[in-house]
């Protein structure tokens, strides 16, 4: 076996999977809160009858939201304190992202990349903004249930609408993310790294040449 290079530490992997798994469950329970499951006969599937219970599905939505909010807040503070801003877009990322997407379908050659691919940085910002809107509107929707908090009909309906729209965009971006992870073979090592923490040196040398050169200089 070839030499391995560490890409993700245990904390990074843990926060990623907490966000991913709680996010999946928020999507599932959120659709149940609309409610859609009874309308589209999901409740008729063996083992899914419980999804017809609005209070059960809502409680589960709140429980998974706690894990999701904690992981997102931890992510923000953890990387801010470490001054780890590698996932923020850089100059030229827009054009490089377009080239990377074309390269994913064999229509172009991949430009030299750092540890994070240019489209990963743009996706990070896009998903981040949508996630914050989902979180803020979701928290407001929970707080308005308290007796001593009054939003007013217009503000309440606006929060409901924003939460639904941002939730829909979150679902869309989630499936786009899943598509590029599993449909593009060159991304498979990155998924494996999110499980093990490591990628092959040859892969890094070939696809993340800028990052590889930086690592090599540190070892000299």
Protein backbone atom coordinates (compact mmCIF):
# COMPACT_ATOMS: atom_id res chain seq x y z
CA UNK A 1 0.00 0.00 0.00
CA UNK A 2 1.11 3.55 -0.74
CA UNK A 3 1.73 6.27 1.77
CA UNK A 4 -1.32 7.86 3.41
CA UNK A 5 -1.83 11.56 4.09
CA UNK A 6 -4.11 12.76 6.87
CA UNK A 7 -6.91 14.95 5.56
CA UNK A 8 -9.52 15.04 8.34
CA UNK A 9 -9.00 14.80 12.09
CA UNK A 10 -11.44 12.98 14.38
CA UNK A 11 -13.19 16.20 15.44
CA UNK A 12 -13.76 17.27 11.83
CA UNK A 13 -15.19 13.88 10.94
CA UNK A 14 -17.40 13.81 14.02
CA UNK A 15 -18.90 17.25 13.41
CA UNK A 16 -19.44 16.39 9.73
CA UNK A 17 -21.37 13.21 10.50
CA UNK A 18 -23.42 14.80 13.28
CA UNK A 19 -24.46 17.56 10.84
CA UNK A 20 -25.06 15.05 8.03
CA UNK A 21 -27.08 12.50 10.00
CA UNK A 22 -29.10 15.04 12.00
CA UNK A 23 -29.63 17.01 8.77
CA UNK A 24 -31.03 13.92 7.02
CA UNK A 25 -33.41 13.32 9.91
CA UNK A 26 -34.44 16.98 9.92
CA UNK A 27 -35.29 16.67 6.23
CA UNK A 28 -37.34 13.53 6.90
CA UNK A 29 -39.17 14.86 9.96
CA UNK A 30 -39.55 18.31 8.39
CA UNK A 31 -41.40 16.83 5.42
CA UNK A 32 -43.55 14.97 7.93
CA UNK A 33 -44.39 18.22 9.73
CA UNK A 34 -45.78 19.83 6.56
CA UNK A 35 -47.50 17.16 6.57
CA UNK A 36 -46.79 15.13 3.43
CA UNK A 37 -46.48 11.52 4.55
CA UNK A 38 -50.17 10.76 4.91
CA UNK A 39 -51.02 12.63 1.71
CA UNK A 40 -48.53 10.60 -0.31
CA UNK A 41 -49.19 7.27 1.47
CA UNK A 42 -45.79 7.07 3.18
CA UNK A 43 -47.72 6.09 6.32
CA UNK A 44 -48.98 2.99 4.51
CA UNK A 45 -45.44 1.61 4.17
CA UNK A 46 -44.84 -1.13 6.79
CA UNK A 47 -43.07 0.38 9.79
CA UNK A 48 -43.92 3.99 8.89
CA UNK A 49 -47.43 4.26 10.36
CA UNK A 50 -46.01 6.31 13.24
CA UNK A 51 -45.15 9.13 10.83
CA UNK A 52 -48.86 10.00 10.69
CA UNK A 53 -48.62 11.24 14.30
CA UNK A 54 -47.91 14.97 13.98
CA UNK A 55 -46.79 15.38 17.62
CA UNK A 56 -44.33 12.49 17.41
CA UNK A 57 -42.79 13.70 14.17
CA UNK A 58 -42.57 17.26 15.55
CA UNK A 59 -40.84 16.14 18.76
CA UNK A 60 -38.32 14.18 16.72
CA UNK A 61 -37.77 17.24 14.54
CA UNK A 62 -36.94 19.27 17.66
CA UNK A 63 -34.61 16.58 19.05
CA UNK A 64 -32.58 16.30 15.84
CA UNK A 65 -32.56 20.09 15.57
CA UNK A 66 -30.73 20.23 18.92
CA UNK A 67 -27.93 18.02 17.57
CA UNK A 68 -27.84 19.96 14.30
CA UNK A 69 -27.65 23.39 15.98
CA UNK A 70 -24.97 22.21 18.41
CA UNK A 71 -22.82 20.78 15.59
CA UNK A 72 -23.16 23.93 13.45
CA UNK A 73 -22.35 26.29 16.33
CA UNK A 74 -19.41 24.08 17.35
CA UNK A 75 -18.15 24.10 13.76
CA UNK A 76 -18.23 27.91 13.58
CA UNK A 77 -16.45 28.46 16.90
CA UNK A 78 -13.97 25.62 16.47
CA UNK A 79 -12.71 26.82 13.09
CA UNK A 80 -12.85 30.50 14.03
CA UNK A 81 -10.70 29.92 17.14
CA UNK A 82 -8.23 27.88 15.07
CA UNK A 83 -8.30 30.55 12.35
CA UNK A 84 -9.02 27.76 9.90
CA UNK A 85 -10.63 29.55 6.94
CA UNK A 86 -9.49 27.25 4.14
CA UNK A 87 -13.07 26.60 3.03
CA UNK A 88 -13.81 30.24 2.29
CA UNK A 89 -13.79 31.15 -1.46
CA UNK A 90 -10.65 32.63 -2.96
CA UNK A 91 -9.99 34.79 -6.00
CA UNK A 92 -10.46 32.79 -9.18
CA UNK A 93 -12.59 30.09 -7.54
CA UNK A 94 -15.64 30.85 -9.67
CA UNK A 95 -13.86 30.13 -12.96
CA UNK A 96 -11.96 27.20 -11.43
CA UNK A 97 -15.25 25.75 -10.11
CA UNK A 98 -16.74 25.85 -13.57
CA UNK A 99 -13.67 24.05 -14.96
CA UNK A 100 -13.84 21.45 -12.18
CA UNK A 101 -17.50 20.73 -12.91
CA UNK A 102 -16.72 20.33 -16.62
CA UNK A 103 -13.82 18.05 -15.70
CA UNK A 104 -16.19 15.92 -13.62
CA UNK A 105 -17.98 15.02 -16.85
CA UNK A 106 -14.77 14.63 -18.86
CA UNK A 107 -15.24 17.90 -20.73
CA UNK A 108 -12.21 19.77 -19.41
CA UNK A 109 -8.94 19.34 -17.54
CA UNK A 110 -8.92 19.95 -13.80
CA UNK A 111 -6.97 23.05 -12.71
CA UNK A 112 -4.37 22.65 -9.91
CA UNK A 113 -6.18 22.50 -6.56
CA UNK A 114 -5.37 23.10 -2.93
CA UNK A 115 -6.66 20.95 -0.04
CA UNK A 116 -10.18 22.14 -0.82
CA UNK A 117 -11.50 22.11 -4.36
CA UNK A 118 -12.83 25.48 -5.60
CA UNK A 119 -16.40 24.21 -5.95
CA UNK A 120 -16.21 22.84 -2.40
CA UNK A 121 -15.50 26.34 -1.12
CA UNK A 122 -18.43 27.85 -3.03
CA UNK A 123 -20.69 24.99 -1.94
CA UNK A 124 -19.59 25.55 1.66
CA UNK A 125 -20.65 29.20 1.57
CA UNK A 126 -23.93 28.45 -0.21
CA UNK A 127 -24.92 25.64 2.14
CA UNK A 128 -23.70 27.71 5.09
CA UNK A 129 -25.95 30.67 4.28
CA UNK A 130 -28.98 28.45 3.69
CA UNK A 131 -28.25 26.53 6.90
CA UNK A 132 -28.11 29.74 8.95
CA UNK A 133 -31.46 30.88 7.52
CA UNK A 134 -32.96 27.47 8.36
CA UNK A 135 -31.56 27.63 11.90
CA UNK A 136 -32.59 31.22 12.65
CA UNK A 137 -36.12 30.84 11.29
CA UNK A 138 -36.46 27.44 12.99
CA UNK A 139 -35.41 28.86 16.36
CA UNK A 140 -37.88 31.74 15.95
CA UNK A 141 -40.63 29.26 15.08
CA UNK A 142 -39.91 27.40 18.32
CA UNK A 143 -39.70 30.54 20.45
CA UNK A 144 -43.02 31.87 19.18
CA UNK A 145 -44.69 28.92 20.92
CA UNK A 146 -43.76 30.44 24.29
CA UNK A 147 -46.61 32.31 25.95
CA UNK A 148 -44.59 35.46 26.58
CA UNK A 149 -43.39 35.83 22.96
CA UNK A 150 -45.68 37.37 20.35
CA UNK A 151 -44.56 37.75 16.74
CA UNK A 152 -47.67 38.99 15.02
CA UNK A 153 -49.41 37.26 12.10
CA UNK A 154 -47.28 38.83 9.33
CA UNK A 155 -43.94 38.13 11.00
CA UNK A 156 -44.99 34.61 11.93
CA UNK A 157 -46.14 33.80 8.38
CA UNK A 158 -42.91 35.31 7.02
CA UNK A 159 -40.80 33.09 9.31
CA UNK A 160 -42.84 30.04 8.28
CA UNK A 161 -42.37 30.86 4.61
CA UNK A 162 -38.64 31.52 4.94
CA UNK A 163 -38.16 28.31 6.90
CA UNK A 164 -40.01 26.30 4.26
CA UNK A 165 -38.16 27.90 1.32
CA UNK A 166 -34.72 27.65 2.94
CA UNK A 167 -35.53 24.07 3.98
CA UNK A 168 -36.38 23.26 0.37
CA UNK A 169 -33.11 24.82 -0.83
CA UNK A 170 -31.23 22.85 1.85
CA UNK A 171 -32.76 19.62 0.51
CA UNK A 172 -31.80 20.60 -3.06
CA UNK A 173 -28.20 21.41 -2.13
CA UNK A 174 -28.01 18.22 -0.07
CA UNK A 175 -28.93 16.06 -3.07
CA UNK A 176 -26.54 18.00 -5.34
CA UNK A 177 -23.80 17.32 -2.79
CA UNK A 178 -24.68 13.61 -2.67
CA UNK A 179 -24.70 13.45 -6.48
CA UNK A 180 -21.19 14.88 -6.86
CA UNK A 181 -19.82 12.71 -4.04
CA UNK A 182 -21.07 9.40 -5.44
CA UNK A 183 -21.59 10.03 -9.18
CA UNK A 184 -18.11 11.50 -9.76
CA UNK A 185 -15.53 8.76 -9.29
CA UNK A 186 -12.68 11.19 -8.59
CA UNK A 187 -14.54 12.29 -5.44
CA UNK A 188 -14.77 8.81 -3.93
CA UNK A 189 -11.44 9.07 -2.06
CA UNK A 190 -12.74 12.23 -0.36
CA UNK A 191 -15.77 10.35 0.93
CA UNK A 192 -13.54 7.52 2.14
CA UNK A 193 -11.35 10.09 3.89
CA UNK A 194 -14.39 11.36 5.78
CA UNK A 195 -14.63 7.83 7.23
CA UNK A 196 -10.96 7.03 7.80
CA UNK A 197 -9.36 10.47 7.88
CA UNK A 198 -6.73 9.61 5.25
CA UNK A 199 -6.19 9.78 1.49
CA UNK A 200 -3.54 8.15 -0.67
CA UNK A 201 -0.43 10.22 -1.37
CA UNK A 202 -0.75 9.59 -5.12
CA UNK A 203 -4.28 10.94 -5.09
CA UNK A 204 -3.18 14.10 -3.31
CA UNK A 205 -0.23 14.53 -5.67
CA UNK A 206 -2.52 14.19 -8.70
CA UNK A 207 -5.65 16.08 -7.63
CA UNK A 208 -4.49 18.43 -4.87
CA UNK A 209 -1.10 19.38 -6.23
CA UNK A 210 -0.99 22.78 -4.46
CA UNK A 211 -1.72 21.18 -1.11
CA UNK A 212 0.80 18.40 -1.82
CA UNK A 213 3.57 20.90 -2.58
CA UNK A 214 2.85 22.70 0.67
CA UNK A 215 3.06 19.43 2.60
CA UNK A 216 6.27 18.47 0.82
CA UNK A 217 7.92 21.83 1.66
CA UNK A 218 7.05 21.41 5.34
CA UNK A 219 8.74 18.00 5.40
CA UNK A 220 11.95 19.30 3.84
